[in-house]
Amino acid sequence: MPWTERTKRRLKLRDLDVLMAVIETGSMGKAAKRLGISQPGVSKAIVELEDALGVRLLDRSRRGIVPTPYGVALQRQGAAVFGELRQAVRHIDFIADPTKGEIRIGTTDPLAISIVSPVIDALAREHPNMSFHVTSGGSAELYSAVADRRVEFAVCRMIGRLPNDLAAEVLFHDAFAVMASAENPLTRKRKLDWADLVDEPWTLFPFDNVFGSVIAEAFRVSGLEPPRLTVAAESFIVQRAMLVTGRFLTVQPGFMVKLPQWGLRLKALPVSLTNSRMPIGIITLKDRSLTPPAELFIDRLRAYARPLAGS
């Protein structure tokens, strides 16, 4: 079905919303209950949408109602349409009252603790009516979150190839370091080698995890085998809990020792871990304007990270 004025007039946001609800719930009845309309109303909306496009959007299977390839394509683009509309409404709301607005941010746990949270705290104090929605994850997950418009922007370590529809602004470059709690006796030694650390308890991301594999490669580049893990944890909170004991070692981004931390003082151990410095920055969607609150946040983020760019 080519895009024409007739097609444009026949497509309705309400029908698209109904289709997305049916696909997400897998049932006409469940979609009707979620949307607060009758089941015949749901069926009518789907029929009108299929008639306007000239293709079948849904099929019935043993698992319930499933989308056809056409339905999958429309669902994905529908999420983008509603994402843009949501952003427009927030933009209008911000213009009406510049002291409020929601900012949807994606970031990794280390950056959330060290950089993103202090910026949120400063803006929340200045603009009490602002709200912040923070999504945490790995770099690949955050790329997808930006592309799918679940977040306006992401602040993360740039691992792997950046998708073509995304843009990046580098804030600073950072290398990994072997770290321990300031309470660990090893931090009081001026000289250490790997033989001193091999039998220490380590807590790291599993090496089959994306971030864990980057750390494992950093060891191998240094001519070392990755250490045996006493605690393999994908949770940054679990790793920090282990470090608080004063016994465990870990590998974390080097900037973690240069910025204030909550609840834990970290120190880098004097051992060599040869690894390439990697960019850390802001990921946005190409050719998409950010809301004023997001632009304000990014300006503050640049200022907060500036000392790291020069170190």
Protein backbone atom coordinates (compact mmCIF):
# COMPACT_ATOMS: atom_id res chain seq x y z
CA MET A 1 0.00 0.00 0.00
CA PRO A 2 1.71 3.24 -1.12
CA TRP A 3 1.63 6.26 1.16
CA THR A 4 -1.12 8.55 -0.14
CA GLU A 5 -3.38 11.27 1.25
CA ARG A 6 -6.19 8.68 1.39
CA THR A 7 -4.07 6.25 3.40
CA LYS A 8 -2.99 9.04 5.75
CA ARG A 9 -6.58 10.09 6.38
CA ARG A 10 -7.69 6.52 7.10
CA LEU A 11 -4.93 5.68 9.60
CA LYS A 12 -5.91 6.52 13.18
CA LEU A 13 -3.66 6.67 16.24
CA ARG A 14 -6.41 5.01 18.26
CA ASP A 15 -6.41 1.99 15.92
CA LEU A 16 -2.62 1.78 16.11
CA ASP A 17 -2.82 1.88 19.91
CA VAL A 18 -5.36 -0.97 19.83
CA LEU A 19 -3.11 -3.06 17.55
CA MET A 20 -0.12 -2.61 19.86
CA ALA A 21 -2.22 -3.61 22.89
CA VAL A 22 -3.44 -6.78 21.14
CA ILE A 23 0.12 -7.76 20.15
CA GLU A 24 1.46 -7.09 23.67
CA THR A 25 -1.33 -9.02 25.45
CA GLY A 26 -1.82 -11.74 22.79
CA SER A 27 -5.59 -11.50 23.12
CA MET A 28 -8.47 -9.32 21.92
CA GLY A 29 -10.18 -9.71 25.29
CA LYS A 30 -7.12 -8.74 27.33
CA ALA A 31 -6.46 -5.78 25.05
CA ALA A 32 -10.08 -4.61 25.47
CA LYS A 33 -9.76 -4.85 29.26
CA ARG A 34 -6.47 -2.92 29.26
CA LEU A 35 -7.87 -0.16 27.05
CA GLY A 36 -11.28 0.01 28.75
CA ILE A 37 -13.26 -0.63 25.58
CA SER A 38 -15.43 -3.48 24.28
CA GLN A 39 -14.00 -6.52 22.49
CA PRO A 40 -16.09 -5.76 19.36
CA GLY A 41 -14.52 -2.28 19.44
CA VAL A 42 -11.06 -3.88 19.40
CA SER A 43 -11.98 -6.15 16.48
CA LYS A 44 -13.44 -3.21 14.55
CA ALA A 45 -10.25 -1.14 15.03
CA ILE A 46 -8.08 -4.00 13.71
CA VAL A 47 -10.34 -4.55 10.71
CA GLU A 48 -10.26 -0.83 9.84
CA LEU A 49 -6.47 -0.75 10.15
CA GLU A 50 -6.03 -3.84 7.95
CA ASP A 51 -8.50 -2.41 5.41
CA ALA A 52 -6.61 0.90 5.29
CA LEU A 53 -3.26 -0.83 4.73
CA GLY A 54 -4.48 -3.71 2.57
CA VAL A 55 -2.57 -6.38 4.52
CA ARG A 56 -3.31 -8.85 7.32
CA LEU A 57 -1.76 -7.73 10.60
CA LEU A 58 -2.71 -10.55 13.00
CA ASP A 59 -2.94 -14.35 12.89
CA ARG A 60 -4.40 -16.83 15.36
CA SER A 61 -2.18 -19.61 16.72
CA ARG A 62 -2.14 -22.07 19.61
CA ARG A 63 -0.41 -19.37 21.64
CA GLY A 64 -3.21 -16.91 20.93
CA ILE A 65 -3.07 -13.96 18.59
CA VAL A 66 0.34 -13.26 17.03
CA PRO A 67 1.41 -10.50 14.63
CA THR A 68 2.21 -11.16 10.99
CA PRO A 69 5.45 -9.65 9.64
CA TYR A 70 3.34 -6.62 8.66
CA GLY A 71 2.02 -6.38 12.20
CA VAL A 72 5.52 -6.59 13.68
CA ALA A 73 6.71 -3.77 11.39
CA LEU A 74 3.74 -1.58 12.30
CA GLN A 75 4.17 -2.28 16.02
CA ARG A 76 7.82 -1.22 15.95
CA GLN A 77 7.12 1.98 14.05
CA GLY A 78 4.08 2.60 16.23
CA ALA A 79 6.31 2.63 19.30
CA ALA A 80 8.43 5.30 17.58
CA VAL A 81 5.34 7.35 16.70
CA PHE A 82 4.04 7.33 20.26
CA GLY A 83 7.54 8.03 21.56
CA GLU A 84 7.74 11.17 19.40
CA LEU A 85 4.27 12.27 20.49
CA ARG A 86 5.18 11.73 24.14
CA GLN A 87 8.28 13.85 23.65
CA ALA A 88 6.24 16.59 21.97
CA VAL A 89 3.78 16.71 24.87
CA ARG A 90 6.65 16.91 27.37
CA HIS A 91 8.26 19.65 25.30
CA ILE A 92 5.01 21.65 25.33
CA ASP A 93 4.67 21.06 29.06
CA PHE A 94 8.21 22.31 29.64
CA ILE A 95 7.61 25.45 27.57
CA ALA A 96 4.49 26.14 29.60
CA ASP A 97 6.46 25.80 32.84
CA PRO A 98 10.28 25.68 32.39
CA THR A 99 10.79 24.55 36.01
CA LYS A 100 9.35 21.09 35.41
CA GLY A 101 9.67 18.22 32.97
CA GLU A 102 10.64 14.54 32.85
CA ILE A 103 14.04 13.38 31.66
CA ARG A 104 14.45 9.74 30.60
CA ILE A 105 18.08 8.67 30.94
CA GLY A 106 19.89 5.41 30.23
CA THR A 107 23.23 4.70 31.88
CA THR A 108 25.51 2.05 33.34
CA ASP A 109 25.72 1.49 37.10
CA PRO A 110 29.26 2.94 37.55
CA LEU A 111 28.33 6.10 35.66
CA ALA A 112 25.00 6.33 37.48
CA ILE A 113 26.79 6.36 40.84
CA SER A 114 29.71 8.60 39.91
CA ILE A 115 28.38 11.11 37.38
CA VAL A 116 24.66 10.85 36.58
CA SER A 117 23.38 10.83 40.18
CA PRO A 118 25.26 14.01 41.24
CA VAL A 119 23.87 15.86 38.20
CA ILE A 120 20.36 14.63 39.02
CA ASP A 121 20.79 15.79 42.62
CA ALA A 122 21.91 19.28 41.56
CA LEU A 123 19.03 19.73 39.08
CA ALA A 124 16.45 18.32 41.49
CA ARG A 125 17.52 20.88 44.10
CA GLU A 126 17.26 23.76 41.61
CA HIS A 127 14.03 22.55 39.96
CA PRO A 128 11.96 20.54 42.49
CA ASN A 129 9.23 19.83 39.92
CA MET A 130 11.60 18.07 37.55
CA SER A 131 11.40 14.28 37.46
CA PHE A 132 13.97 11.73 36.31
CA HIS A 133 13.47 8.22 34.93
CA VAL A 134 16.74 6.27 34.95
CA THR A 135 17.24 2.98 33.09
CA SER A 136 20.35 0.96 33.92
CA GLY A 137 22.01 -1.59 31.66
CA GLY A 138 24.97 -2.52 29.51
CA SER A 139 26.09 -0.51 26.51
CA ALA A 140 24.29 -2.71 23.94
CA GLU A 141 21.04 -2.54 25.93
CA LEU A 142 21.33 1.23 26.17
CA TYR A 143 21.93 1.59 22.43
CA SER A 144 18.63 -0.26 21.87
CA ALA A 145 16.85 1.85 24.47
CA VAL A 146 17.86 5.05 22.66
CA ALA A 147 16.97 3.62 19.23
CA ASP A 148 13.54 2.48 20.49
CA ARG A 149 12.97 5.88 22.16
CA ARG A 150 12.58 4.34 25.62
CA VAL A 151 15.17 6.87 26.80
CA GLU A 152 16.07 10.26 25.33
CA PHE A 153 19.79 9.67 25.66
CA ALA A 154 22.28 7.31 27.26
CA VAL A 155 25.53 7.91 29.13
CA CYS A 156 27.78 4.89 28.78
CA ARG A 157 31.10 3.33 27.79
CA MET A 158 31.12 2.97 24.01
CA ILE A 159 31.65 -0.75 23.47
CA GLY A 160 31.21 -2.24 20.03
CA ARG A 161 30.00 -0.59 16.87
CA LEU A 162 27.50 2.22 17.21
CA PRO A 163 24.32 1.61 15.15
CA ASN A 164 23.93 3.91 12.15
CA ASP A 165 20.84 5.66 13.55
CA LEU A 166 22.67 6.81 16.69
CA ALA A 167 25.07 9.68 17.33
CA ALA A 168 27.78 9.92 19.99
CA GLU A 169 29.49 12.74 21.86
CA VAL A 170 32.63 11.71 23.74
CA LEU A 171 32.93 13.19 27.24
CA PHE A 172 36.26 11.60 28.17
CA HIS A 173 38.37 8.46 27.72
CA ASP A 174 38.88 5.97 30.51
CA ALA A 175 40.88 2.82 31.21
CA PHE A 176 40.19 0.00 33.66
CA ALA A 177 42.06 -0.32 36.95
CA VAL A 178 42.40 -2.99 39.62
CA MET A 179 40.63 -1.65 42.69
CA ALA A 180 39.91 -2.43 46.32
CA SER A 181 38.18 -0.78 49.22
CA ALA A 182 40.40 1.77 51.00
CA GLU A 183 40.12 -0.57 54.02
CA ASN A 184 41.92 -3.39 52.18
CA PRO A 185 45.52 -3.82 53.54
CA LEU A 186 46.84 -4.12 49.95
CA THR A 187 46.07 -0.42 49.35
CA ARG A 188 48.79 0.50 51.86
CA LYS A 189 51.51 -1.17 49.78
CA ARG A 190 53.49 0.99 47.37
CA LYS A 191 54.51 -1.87 45.13
CA LEU A 192 52.61 -4.98 44.08
CA ASP A 193 52.87 -7.55 41.32
CA TRP A 194 50.37 -10.07 40.05
CA ALA A 195 51.79 -12.85 42.18
CA ASP A 196 50.60 -10.88 45.22
CA LEU A 197 47.03 -10.83 43.91
CA VAL A 198 46.48 -14.20 42.29
CA ASP A 199 45.16 -15.86 45.47
CA GLU A 200 43.07 -12.89 46.63
CA PRO A 201 39.26 -13.13 46.45
CA TRP A 202 37.96 -11.42 43.29
CA THR A 203 34.50 -10.19 42.37
CA LEU A 204 33.89 -9.37 38.70
CA PHE A 205 31.29 -9.61 35.99
CA PRO A 206 31.13 -13.17 34.55
CA PHE A 207 33.56 -13.42 31.66
CA ASP A 208 30.77 -14.51 29.28
CA ASN A 209 29.04 -11.20 30.02
CA VAL A 210 29.76 -8.40 27.49
CA PHE A 211 31.40 -6.16 30.08
CA GLY A 212 33.12 -9.15 31.70
CA SER A 213 34.60 -10.20 28.36
CA VAL A 214 36.09 -6.70 27.96
CA ILE A 215 37.74 -7.03 31.37
CA ALA A 216 39.02 -10.54 30.57
CA GLU A 217 40.54 -9.20 27.34
CA ALA A 218 42.27 -6.42 29.31
CA PHE A 219 44.03 -9.11 31.37
CA ARG A 220 45.03 -11.10 28.29
CA VAL A 221 46.40 -8.03 26.52
CA SER A 222 48.60 -7.57 29.59
CA GLY A 223 49.90 -11.14 29.16
CA LEU A 224 47.87 -12.42 32.12
CA GLU A 225 45.12 -14.96 32.55
CA PRO A 226 41.93 -13.58 34.12
CA PRO A 227 41.78 -14.37 37.85
CA ARG A 228 39.61 -17.08 39.37
CA LEU A 229 36.34 -15.51 40.47
CA THR A 230 35.23 -16.00 44.04
CA VAL A 231 32.06 -14.02 43.31
CA ALA A 232 30.88 -13.66 39.72
CA ALA A 233 28.08 -11.08 39.73
CA GLU A 234 26.30 -9.16 37.02
CA SER A 235 25.00 -6.88 39.74
CA PHE A 236 27.19 -3.87 40.43
CA ILE A 237 25.52 -3.62 43.85
CA VAL A 238 26.67 -7.15 44.74
CA GLN A 239 30.24 -6.31 43.70
CA ARG A 240 30.21 -3.19 45.86
CA ALA A 241 28.86 -5.20 48.81
CA MET A 242 31.83 -7.55 48.45
CA LEU A 243 34.28 -4.63 48.30
CA VAL A 244 32.84 -3.14 51.50
CA THR A 245 34.12 -6.20 53.39
CA GLY A 246 37.66 -4.91 52.73
CA ARG A 247 38.76 -8.30 51.35
CA PHE A 248 37.75 -8.41 47.69
CA LEU A 249 39.45 -7.06 44.58
CA THR A 250 37.75 -6.04 41.37
CA VAL A 251 38.33 -4.25 38.07
CA GLN A 252 36.35 -1.08 37.52
CA PRO A 253 36.53 2.05 35.39
CA GLY A 254 39.43 4.26 36.43
CA PHE A 255 37.21 7.32 36.91
CA MET A 256 35.63 5.62 39.94
CA VAL A 257 38.56 6.70 42.14
CA LYS A 258 38.52 10.30 40.86
CA LEU A 259 34.95 11.17 41.80
CA PRO A 260 33.05 11.15 45.12
CA GLN A 261 31.39 7.84 45.94
CA TRP A 262 28.54 7.03 48.27
CA GLY A 263 29.15 4.42 50.93
CA LEU A 264 32.54 3.21 49.64
CA ARG A 265 36.01 4.66 49.19
CA LEU A 266 37.92 2.97 46.40
CA LYS A 267 41.64 2.90 45.71
CA ALA A 268 43.47 1.73 42.61
CA LEU A 269 46.20 -0.80 43.32
CA PRO A 270 49.72 -0.13 41.96
CA VAL A 271 49.71 -2.92 39.40
CA SER A 272 49.91 -2.62 35.63
CA LEU A 273 46.83 -3.53 33.61
CA THR A 274 47.60 -2.66 30.01
CA ASN A 275 44.36 -1.86 28.23
CA SER A 276 43.28 0.67 25.68
CA ARG A 277 41.45 3.72 26.89
CA MET A 278 37.84 3.62 25.78
CA PRO A 279 35.47 6.52 25.11
CA ILE A 280 32.67 7.33 27.52
CA GLY A 281 29.99 9.67 26.29
CA ILE A 282 26.44 10.58 25.40
CA ILE A 283 24.41 8.52 22.92
CA THR A 284 21.47 10.16 21.15
CA LEU A 285 19.24 9.45 18.21
CA LYS A 286 20.38 11.09 14.97
CA ASP A 287 18.24 13.92 13.60
CA ARG A 288 16.09 14.07 16.73
CA SER A 289 15.77 17.20 18.85
CA LEU A 290 16.14 16.73 22.59
CA THR A 291 13.66 18.24 25.02
CA PRO A 292 14.85 21.37 26.89
CA PRO A 293 15.19 19.44 30.20
CA ALA A 294 17.41 16.87 28.45
CA GLU A 295 19.54 19.62 26.90
CA LEU A 296 19.92 21.23 30.34
CA PHE A 297 20.92 17.88 31.84
CA ILE A 298 23.52 17.24 29.14
CA ASP A 299 25.01 20.71 29.62
CA ARG A 300 25.45 19.95 33.33
CA LEU A 301 26.85 16.54 32.50
CA ARG A 302 29.52 18.07 30.25
CA ALA A 303 30.57 20.48 33.00
CA TYR A 304 30.72 17.71 35.62
CA ALA A 305 32.79 15.42 33.38
CA ARG A 306 35.15 18.16 32.12
CA PRO A 307 37.87 17.52 34.76
CA LEU A 308 37.98 13.86 33.65
CA ALA A 309 38.55 14.88 30.03
CA GLY A 310 41.66 16.79 31.05
CA SER A 311 43.11 14.13 33.35
